[in-house]
Amino acid sequence: MIGLALSGGGYRASLFHLGVMARLADDGLLNKVRVISSVSGGSIIGAYYYKRMCEELANNSLETDEDYKQLLEQVMKEFPYLCSG
């Protein structure tokens, strides 16, 4: 089990956290994250990732490490539009 702590720092922090999450996905560890704790900028990406993950889990679409990589890639594509208002 892995707990992921996402700190504050506004939009820049969210971009940093996407990089950390991408590394976890590349290493096959993102699917092992069971707890996300976040504040401020970390909450922006943490909440959005959690929302998208729940949608995929409801569709039984997250089974392999590759599925988690694809989910994060989709989140990374959608993220700039989420914050552009």
PDB file of N, CA and C in Angstrom:
ATOM      1  N   MET A   1       0.846  -1.173   0.000  1.00  0.00           N
ATOM      2  CA  MET A   1       0.000   0.000   0.000  1.00  0.00           C
ATOM      3  C   MET A   1       0.896   1.241   0.000  1.00  0.00           C
ATOM      4  N   ILE A   2       0.504   2.221  -0.781  1.00  0.00           N
ATOM      5  CA  ILE A   2       1.239   3.473  -0.869  1.00  0.00           C
ATOM      6  C   ILE A   2       0.289   4.623  -0.553  1.00  0.00           C
ATOM      7  N   GLY A   3       0.764   5.563   0.253  1.00  0.00           N
ATOM      8  CA  GLY A   3       0.053   6.813   0.494  1.00  0.00           C
ATOM      9  C   GLY A   3       0.764   7.913  -0.269  1.00  0.00           C
ATOM     10  N   LEU A   4       0.017   8.757  -0.949  1.00  0.00           N
ATOM     11  CA  LEU A   4       0.581   9.821  -1.766  1.00  0.00           C
ATOM     12  C   LEU A   4       0.202  11.159  -1.157  1.00  0.00           C
ATOM     13  N   ALA A   5       1.206  11.959  -0.783  1.00  0.00           N
ATOM     14  CA  ALA A   5       0.979  13.283  -0.203  1.00  0.00           C
ATOM     15  C   ALA A   5       1.277  14.332  -1.266  1.00  0.00           C
ATOM     16  N   LEU A   6       0.293  15.168  -1.579  1.00  0.00           N
ATOM     17  CA  LEU A   6       0.429  16.208  -2.596  1.00  0.00           C
ATOM     18  C   LEU A   6       0.352  17.562  -1.900  1.00  0.00           C
ATOM     19  N   SER A   7       1.454  18.288  -1.930  1.00  0.00           N
ATOM     20  CA  SER A   7       1.551  19.547  -1.187  1.00  0.00           C
ATOM     21  C   SER A   7       0.937  20.707  -1.956  1.00  0.00           C
ATOM     22  N   GLY A   8       0.956  21.858  -1.321  1.00  0.00           N
ATOM     23  CA  GLY A   8       0.423  23.074  -1.927  1.00  0.00           C
ATOM     24  C   GLY A   8       1.439  23.758  -2.818  1.00  0.00           C
ATOM     25  N   GLY A   9       1.005  24.843  -3.420  1.00  0.00           N
ATOM     26  CA  GLY A   9       1.866  25.617  -4.298  1.00  0.00           C
ATOM     27  C   GLY A   9       1.165  26.034  -5.575  1.00  0.00           C
ATOM     28  N   GLY A  10      -0.156  25.962  -5.569  1.00  0.00           N
ATOM     29  CA  GLY A  10      -0.920  26.415  -6.721  1.00  0.00           C
ATOM     30  C   GLY A  10      -0.770  25.528  -7.934  1.00  0.00           C
ATOM     31  N   TYR A  11      -0.948  26.141  -9.088  1.00  0.00           N
ATOM     32  CA  TYR A  11      -0.924  25.429 -10.364  1.00  0.00           C
ATOM     33  C   TYR A  11       0.425  24.747 -10.593  1.00  0.00           C
ATOM     34  N   ARG A  12       1.507  25.421 -10.213  1.00  0.00           N
ATOM     35  CA  ARG A  12       2.847  24.820 -10.380  1.00  0.00           C
ATOM     36  C   ARG A  12       2.962  23.518  -9.617  1.00  0.00           C
ATOM     37  N   ALA A  13       2.420  23.477  -8.416  1.00  0.00           N
ATOM     38  CA  ALA A  13       2.474  22.254  -7.621  1.00  0.00           C
ATOM     39  C   ALA A  13       1.720  21.133  -8.325  1.00  0.00           C
ATOM     40  N   SER A  14       0.589  21.474  -8.925  1.00  0.00           N
ATOM     41  CA  SER A  14      -0.186  20.463  -9.645  1.00  0.00           C
ATOM     42  C   SER A  14       0.624  19.861 -10.778  1.00  0.00           C
ATOM     43  N   LEU A  15       1.353  20.690 -11.497  1.00  0.00           N
ATOM     44  CA  LEU A  15       2.189  20.183 -12.593  1.00  0.00           C
ATOM     45  C   LEU A  15       3.304  19.291 -12.060  1.00  0.00           C
ATOM     46  N   PHE A  16       3.909  19.685 -10.956  1.00  0.00           N
ATOM     47  CA  PHE A  16       4.949  18.863 -10.336  1.00  0.00           C
ATOM     48  C   PHE A  16       4.372  17.503  -9.934  1.00  0.00           C
ATOM     49  N   HIS A  17       3.195  17.532  -9.316  1.00  0.00           N
ATOM     50  CA  HIS A  17       2.577  16.290  -8.859  1.00  0.00           C
ATOM     51  C   HIS A  17       2.233  15.369 -10.021  1.00  0.00           C
ATOM     52  N   LEU A  18       1.848  15.939 -11.160  1.00  0.00           N
ATOM     53  CA  LEU A  18       1.608  15.105 -12.338  1.00  0.00           C
ATOM     54  C   LEU A  18       2.877  14.354 -12.733  1.00  0.00           C
ATOM     55  N   GLY A  19       4.016  15.027 -12.625  1.00  0.00           N
ATOM     56  CA  GLY A  19       5.286  14.377 -12.920  1.00  0.00           C
ATOM     57  C   GLY A  19       5.594  13.243 -11.970  1.00  0.00           C
ATOM     58  N   VAL A  20       5.333  13.459 -10.702  1.00  0.00           N
ATOM     59  CA  VAL A  20       5.559  12.409  -9.701  1.00  0.00           C
ATOM     60  C   VAL A  20       4.632  11.224  -9.976  1.00  0.00           C
ATOM     61  N   MET A  21       3.381  11.517 -10.271  1.00  0.00           N
ATOM     62  CA  MET A  21       2.419  10.450 -10.549  1.00  0.00           C
ATOM     63  C   MET A  21       2.793   9.700 -11.831  1.00  0.00           C
ATOM     64  N   ALA A  22       3.334  10.419 -12.818  1.00  0.00           N
ATOM     65  CA  ALA A  22       3.784   9.765 -14.051  1.00  0.00           C
ATOM     66  C   ALA A  22       4.923   8.800 -13.751  1.00  0.00           C
ATOM     67  N   ARG A  23       5.826   9.200 -12.879  1.00  0.00           N
ATOM     68  CA  ARG A  23       6.932   8.310 -12.497  1.00  0.00           C
ATOM     69  C   ARG A  23       6.404   7.071 -11.781  1.00  0.00           C
ATOM     70  N   LEU A  24       5.445   7.268 -10.878  1.00  0.00           N
ATOM     71  CA  LEU A  24       4.836   6.120 -10.203  1.00  0.00           C
ATOM     72  C   LEU A  24       4.187   5.185 -11.216  1.00  0.00           C
ATOM     73  N   ALA A  25       3.509   5.757 -12.211  1.00  0.00           N
ATOM     74  CA  ALA A  25       2.872   4.933 -13.246  1.00  0.00           C
ATOM     75  C   ALA A  25       3.917   4.180 -14.052  1.00  0.00           C
ATOM     76  N   ASP A  26       4.991   4.862 -14.424  1.00  0.00           N
ATOM     77  CA  ASP A  26       6.064   4.215 -15.195  1.00  0.00           C
ATOM     78  C   ASP A  26       6.696   3.059 -14.429  1.00  0.00           C
ATOM     79  N   ASP A  27       6.776   3.211 -13.121  1.00  0.00           N
ATOM     80  CA  ASP A  27       7.379   2.172 -12.284  1.00  0.00           C
ATOM     81  C   ASP A  27       6.373   1.102 -11.841  1.00  0.00           C
ATOM     82  N   GLY A  28       5.124   1.205 -12.318  1.00  0.00           N
ATOM     83  CA  GLY A  28       4.098   0.227 -11.957  1.00  0.00           C
ATOM     84  C   GLY A  28       3.605   0.354 -10.532  1.00  0.00           C
ATOM     85  N   LEU A  29       3.697   1.566  -9.971  1.00  0.00           N
ATOM     86  CA  LEU A  29       3.306   1.767  -8.573  1.00  0.00           C
ATOM     87  C   LEU A  29       2.029   2.589  -8.393  1.00  0.00           C
ATOM     88  N   LEU A  30       1.577   3.257  -9.439  1.00  0.00           N
ATOM     89  CA  LEU A  30       0.403   4.118  -9.290  1.00  0.00           C
ATOM     90  C   LEU A  30      -0.835   3.328  -8.881  1.00  0.00           C
ATOM     91  N   ASN A  31      -0.946   2.111  -9.356  1.00  0.00           N
ATOM     92  CA  ASN A  31      -2.093   1.282  -8.987  1.00  0.00           C
ATOM     93  C   ASN A  31      -2.036   0.802  -7.540  1.00  0.00           C
ATOM     94  N   LYS A  32      -0.914   1.029  -6.866  1.00  0.00           N
ATOM     95  CA  LYS A  32      -0.775   0.627  -5.464  1.00  0.00           C
ATOM     96  C   LYS A  32      -1.101   1.768  -4.495  1.00  0.00           C
ATOM     97  N   VAL A  33      -1.354   2.963  -5.026  1.00  0.00           N
ATOM     98  CA  VAL A  33      -1.720   4.106  -4.182  1.00  0.00           C
ATOM     99  C   VAL A  33      -3.129   3.869  -3.646  1.00  0.00           C
ATOM    100  N   ARG A  34      -3.252   3.863  -2.337  1.00  0.00           N
ATOM    101  CA  ARG A  34      -4.546   3.627  -1.687  1.00  0.00           C
ATOM    102  C   ARG A  34      -5.071   4.855  -0.958  1.00  0.00           C
ATOM    103  N   VAL A  35      -4.181   5.811  -0.673  1.00  0.00           N
ATOM    104  CA  VAL A  35      -4.566   7.011   0.070  1.00  0.00           C
ATOM    105  C   VAL A  35      -3.907   8.207  -0.592  1.00  0.00           C
ATOM    106  N   ILE A  36      -4.690   9.263  -0.816  1.00  0.00           N
ATOM    107  CA  ILE A  36      -4.140  10.522  -1.301  1.00  0.00           C
ATOM    108  C   ILE A  36      -4.487  11.593  -0.284  1.00  0.00           C
ATOM    109  N   SER A  37      -3.462  12.278   0.188  1.00  0.00           N
ATOM    110  CA  SER A  37      -3.634  13.401   1.106  1.00  0.00           C
ATOM    111  C   SER A  37      -3.120  14.638   0.385  1.00  0.00           C
ATOM    112  N   SER A  38      -3.913  15.710   0.395  1.00  0.00           N
ATOM    113  CA  SER A  38      -3.496  16.876  -0.386  1.00  0.00           C
ATOM    114  C   SER A  38      -3.972  18.177   0.255  1.00  0.00           C
ATOM    115  N   VAL A  39      -3.275  19.242  -0.107  1.00  0.00           N
ATOM    116  CA  VAL A  39      -3.667  20.598   0.283  1.00  0.00           C
ATOM    117  C   VAL A  39      -3.461  21.506  -0.928  1.00  0.00           C
ATOM    118  N   SER A  40      -4.203  22.563  -0.987  1.00  0.00           N
ATOM    119  CA  SER A  40      -4.033  23.634  -1.960  1.00  0.00           C
ATOM    120  C   SER A  40      -3.828  23.105  -3.376  1.00  0.00           C
ATOM    121  N   GLY A  41      -2.705  23.448  -4.010  1.00  0.00           N
ATOM    122  CA  GLY A  41      -2.441  23.031  -5.386  1.00  0.00           C
ATOM    123  C   GLY A  41      -2.446  21.528  -5.572  1.00  0.00           C
ATOM    124  N   GLY A  42      -2.027  20.803  -4.561  1.00  0.00           N
ATOM    125  CA  GLY A  42      -2.059  19.348  -4.636  1.00  0.00           C
ATOM    126  C   GLY A  42      -3.478  18.813  -4.702  1.00  0.00           C
ATOM    127  N   SER A  43      -4.406  19.540  -4.109  1.00  0.00           N
ATOM    128  CA  SER A  43      -5.806  19.117  -4.136  1.00  0.00           C
ATOM    129  C   SER A  43      -6.419  19.253  -5.515  1.00  0.00           C
ATOM    130  N   ILE A  44      -5.907  20.187  -6.308  1.00  0.00           N
ATOM    131  CA  ILE A  44      -6.442  20.369  -7.657  1.00  0.00           C
ATOM    132  C   ILE A  44      -6.263  19.078  -8.448  1.00  0.00           C
ATOM    133  N   ILE A  45      -5.046  18.596  -8.500  1.00  0.00           N
ATOM    134  CA  ILE A  45      -4.782  17.392  -9.284  1.00  0.00           C
ATOM    135  C   ILE A  45      -5.223  16.137  -8.539  1.00  0.00           C
ATOM    136  N   GLY A  46      -5.080  16.119  -7.222  1.00  0.00           N
ATOM    137  CA  GLY A  46      -5.496  14.950  -6.449  1.00  0.00           C
ATOM    138  C   GLY A  46      -6.976  14.652  -6.607  1.00  0.00           C
ATOM    139  N   ALA A  47      -7.798  15.683  -6.509  1.00  0.00           N
ATOM    140  CA  ALA A  47      -9.247  15.498  -6.639  1.00  0.00           C
ATOM    141  C   ALA A  47      -9.631  15.102  -8.060  1.00  0.00           C
ATOM    142  N   TYR A  48      -8.994  15.725  -9.039  1.00  0.00           N
ATOM    143  CA  TYR A  48      -9.334  15.406 -10.423  1.00  0.00           C
ATOM    144  C   TYR A  48      -8.910  13.984 -10.779  1.00  0.00           C
ATOM    145  N   TYR A  49      -7.722  13.595 -10.365  1.00  0.00           N
ATOM    146  CA  TYR A  49      -7.269  12.226 -10.617  1.00  0.00           C
ATOM    147  C   TYR A  49      -8.216  11.230  -9.943  1.00  0.00           C
ATOM    148  N   TYR A  50      -8.592  11.502  -8.706  1.00  0.00           N
ATOM    149  CA  TYR A  50      -9.483  10.602  -7.970  1.00  0.00           C
ATOM    150  C   TYR A  50     -10.836  10.482  -8.675  1.00  0.00           C
ATOM    151  N   LYS A  51     -11.361  11.592  -9.148  1.00  0.00           N
ATOM    152  CA  LYS A  51     -12.645  11.592  -9.871  1.00  0.00           C
ATOM    153  C   LYS A  51     -12.549  10.706 -11.113  1.00  0.00           C
ATOM    154  N   ARG A  52     -11.495  10.905 -11.900  1.00  0.00           N
ATOM    155  CA  ARG A  52     -11.338  10.127 -13.130  1.00  0.00           C
ATOM    156  C   ARG A  52     -11.084   8.648 -12.819  1.00  0.00           C
ATOM    157  N   MET A  53     -10.328   8.368 -11.758  1.00  0.00           N
ATOM    158  CA  MET A  53     -10.057   6.996 -11.377  1.00  0.00           C
ATOM    159  C   MET A  53     -11.354   6.290 -10.977  1.00  0.00           C
ATOM    160  N   CYS A  54     -12.195   6.973 -10.205  1.00  0.00           N
ATOM    161  CA  CYS A  54     -13.480   6.381  -9.792  1.00  0.00           C
ATOM    162  C   CYS A  54     -14.359   6.070 -10.996  1.00  0.00           C
ATOM    163  N   GLU A  55     -14.352   6.954 -11.989  1.00  0.00           N
ATOM    164  CA  GLU A  55     -15.120   6.711 -13.214  1.00  0.00           C
ATOM    165  C   GLU A  55     -14.625   5.454 -13.919  1.00  0.00           C
ATOM    166  N   GLU A  56     -13.318   5.315 -14.009  1.00  0.00           N
ATOM    167  CA  GLU A  56     -12.741   4.140 -14.666  1.00  0.00           C
ATOM    168  C   GLU A  56     -13.004   2.866 -13.864  1.00  0.00           C
ATOM    169  N   LEU A  57     -12.904   2.950 -12.543  1.00  0.00           N
ATOM    170  CA  LEU A  57     -13.176   1.780 -11.715  1.00  0.00           C
ATOM    171  C   LEU A  57     -14.637   1.350 -11.832  1.00  0.00           C
ATOM    172  N   ALA A  58     -15.551   2.315 -11.947  1.00  0.00           N
ATOM    173  CA  ALA A  58     -16.974   1.992 -12.100  1.00  0.00           C
ATOM    174  C   ALA A  58     -17.230   1.234 -13.399  1.00  0.00           C
ATOM    175  N   ASN A  59     -16.389   1.482 -14.399  1.00  0.00           N
ATOM    176  CA  ASN A  59     -16.514   0.795 -15.688  1.00  0.00           C
ATOM    177  C   ASN A  59     -15.624  -0.441 -15.774  1.00  0.00           C
ATOM    178  N   ASN A  60     -15.013  -0.811 -14.658  1.00  0.00           N
ATOM    179  CA  ASN A  60     -14.078  -1.941 -14.620  1.00  0.00           C
ATOM    180  C   ASN A  60     -12.975  -1.795 -15.664  1.00  0.00           C
ATOM    181  N   SER A  61     -12.479  -0.564 -15.829  1.00  0.00           N
ATOM    182  CA  SER A  61     -11.485  -0.280 -16.859  1.00  0.00           C
ATOM    183  C   SER A  61     -10.059  -0.190 -16.326  1.00  0.00           C
ATOM    184  N   LEU A  62      -9.868  -0.392 -15.043  1.00  0.00           N
ATOM    185  CA  LEU A  62      -8.524  -0.305 -14.467  1.00  0.00           C
ATOM    186  C   LEU A  62      -8.127  -1.661 -13.901  1.00  0.00           C
ATOM    187  N   GLU A  63      -7.362  -2.391 -14.683  1.00  0.00           N
ATOM    188  CA  GLU A  63      -6.944  -3.706 -14.226  1.00  0.00           C
ATOM    189  C   GLU A  63      -5.437  -3.877 -14.243  1.00  0.00           C
ATOM    190  N   THR A  64      -4.763  -3.236 -15.185  1.00  0.00           N
ATOM    191  CA  THR A  64      -3.325  -3.452 -15.345  1.00  0.00           C
ATOM    192  C   THR A  64      -2.553  -2.155 -15.107  1.00  0.00           C
ATOM    193  N   ASP A  65      -1.240  -2.276 -14.977  1.00  0.00           N
ATOM    194  CA  ASP A  65      -0.387  -1.096 -14.862  1.00  0.00           C
ATOM    195  C   ASP A  65      -0.561  -0.191 -16.076  1.00  0.00           C
ATOM    196  N   GLU A  66      -0.720  -0.790 -17.238  1.00  0.00           N
ATOM    197  CA  GLU A  66      -0.910  -0.011 -18.475  1.00  0.00           C
ATOM    198  C   GLU A  66      -2.208   0.796 -18.425  1.00  0.00           C
ATOM    199  N   ASP A  67      -3.249   0.240 -17.822  1.00  0.00           N
ATOM    200  CA  ASP A  67      -4.514   0.972 -17.675  1.00  0.00           C
ATOM    201  C   ASP A  67      -4.308   2.234 -16.838  1.00  0.00           C
ATOM    202  N   TYR A  68      -3.519   2.125 -15.769  1.00  0.00           N
ATOM    203  CA  TYR A  68      -3.250   3.278 -14.918  1.00  0.00           C
ATOM    204  C   TYR A  68      -2.396   4.313 -15.648  1.00  0.00           C
ATOM    205  N   LYS A  69      -1.451   3.845 -16.461  1.00  0.00           N
ATOM    206  CA  LYS A  69      -0.650   4.772 -17.263  1.00  0.00           C
ATOM    207  C   LYS A  69      -1.536   5.540 -18.232  1.00  0.00           C
ATOM    208  N   GLN A  70      -2.441   4.825 -18.879  1.00  0.00           N
ATOM    209  CA  GLN A  70      -3.340   5.470 -19.833  1.00  0.00           C
ATOM    210  C   GLN A  70      -4.269   6.460 -19.136  1.00  0.00           C
ATOM    211  N   LEU A  71      -4.734   6.110 -17.947  1.00  0.00           N
ATOM    212  CA  LEU A  71      -5.574   7.031 -17.180  1.00  0.00           C
ATOM    213  C   LEU A  71      -4.807   8.308 -16.875  1.00  0.00           C
ATOM    214  N   LEU A  72      -3.585   8.169 -16.403  1.00  0.00           N
ATOM    215  CA  LEU A  72      -2.802   9.360 -16.069  1.00  0.00           C
ATOM    216  C   LEU A  72      -2.491  10.176 -17.319  1.00  0.00           C
ATOM    217  N   GLU A  73      -2.218   9.527 -18.430  1.00  0.00           N
ATOM    218  CA  GLU A  73      -1.989  10.260 -19.679  1.00  0.00           C
ATOM    219  C   GLU A  73      -3.221  11.076 -20.054  1.00  0.00           C
ATOM    220  N   GLN A  74      -4.404  10.501 -19.856  1.00  0.00           N
ATOM    221  CA  GLN A  74      -5.643  11.221 -20.150  1.00  0.00           C
ATOM    222  C   GLN A  74      -5.817  12.405 -19.201  1.00  0.00           C
ATOM    223  N   VAL A  75      -5.535  12.195 -17.931  1.00  0.00           N
ATOM    224  CA  VAL A  75      -5.614  13.283 -16.951  1.00  0.00           C
ATOM    225  C   VAL A  75      -4.658  14.408 -17.345  1.00  0.00           C
ATOM    226  N   MET A  76      -3.458  14.050 -17.775  1.00  0.00           N
ATOM    227  CA  MET A  76      -2.471  15.061 -18.166  1.00  0.00           C
ATOM    228  C   MET A  76      -2.943  15.853 -19.395  1.00  0.00           C
ATOM    229  N   LYS A  77      -3.638  15.197 -20.307  1.00  0.00           N
ATOM    230  CA  LYS A  77      -4.172  15.890 -21.479  1.00  0.00           C
ATOM    231  C   LYS A  77      -5.303  16.836 -21.098  1.00  0.00           C
ATOM    232  N   GLU A  78      -6.159  16.403 -20.172  1.00  0.00           N
ATOM    233  CA  GLU A  78      -7.331  17.186 -19.771  1.00  0.00           C
ATOM    234  C   GLU A  78      -6.993  18.307 -18.806  1.00  0.00           C
ATOM    235  N   PHE A  79      -5.914  18.152 -18.065  1.00  0.00           N
ATOM    236  CA  PHE A  79      -5.609  19.078 -16.966  1.00  0.00           C
ATOM    237  C   PHE A  79      -5.514  20.547 -17.372  1.00  0.00           C
ATOM    238  N   PRO A  80      -4.816  20.904 -18.460  1.00  0.00           N
ATOM    239  CA  PRO A  80      -4.733  22.338 -18.804  1.00  0.00           C
ATOM    240  C   PRO A  80      -6.111  22.948 -19.058  1.00  0.00           C
ATOM    241  N   TYR A  81      -7.035  22.173 -19.616  1.00  0.00           N
ATOM    242  CA  TYR A  81      -8.376  22.680 -19.901  1.00  0.00           C
ATOM    243  C   TYR A  81      -9.198  22.813 -18.629  1.00  0.00           C
ATOM    244  N   LEU A  82      -8.910  21.941 -17.659  1.00  0.00           N
ATOM    245  CA  LEU A  82      -9.584  22.006 -16.367  1.00  0.00           C
ATOM    246  C   LEU A  82      -9.279  23.326 -15.659  1.00  0.00           C
ATOM    247  N   CYS A  83      -8.062  23.816 -15.800  1.00  0.00           N
ATOM    248  CA  CYS A  83      -7.616  25.008 -15.089  1.00  0.00           C
ATOM    249  C   CYS A  83      -7.732  26.293 -15.908  1.00  0.00           C
ATOM    250  N   SER A  84      -8.196  26.198 -17.146  1.00  0.00           N
ATOM    251  CA  SER A  84      -8.232  27.407 -17.979  1.00  0.00           C
ATOM    252  C   SER A  84      -9.492  28.216 -17.799  1.00  0.00           C
ATOM    253  N   GLY A  85     -10.436  27.707 -17.024  1.00  0.00           N
ATOM    254  CA  GLY A  85     -11.624  28.481 -16.693  1.00  0.00           C
ATOM    255  C   GLY A  85     -12.542  28.628 -17.827  1.00  0.00           C
TER     256      GLY A  85
END
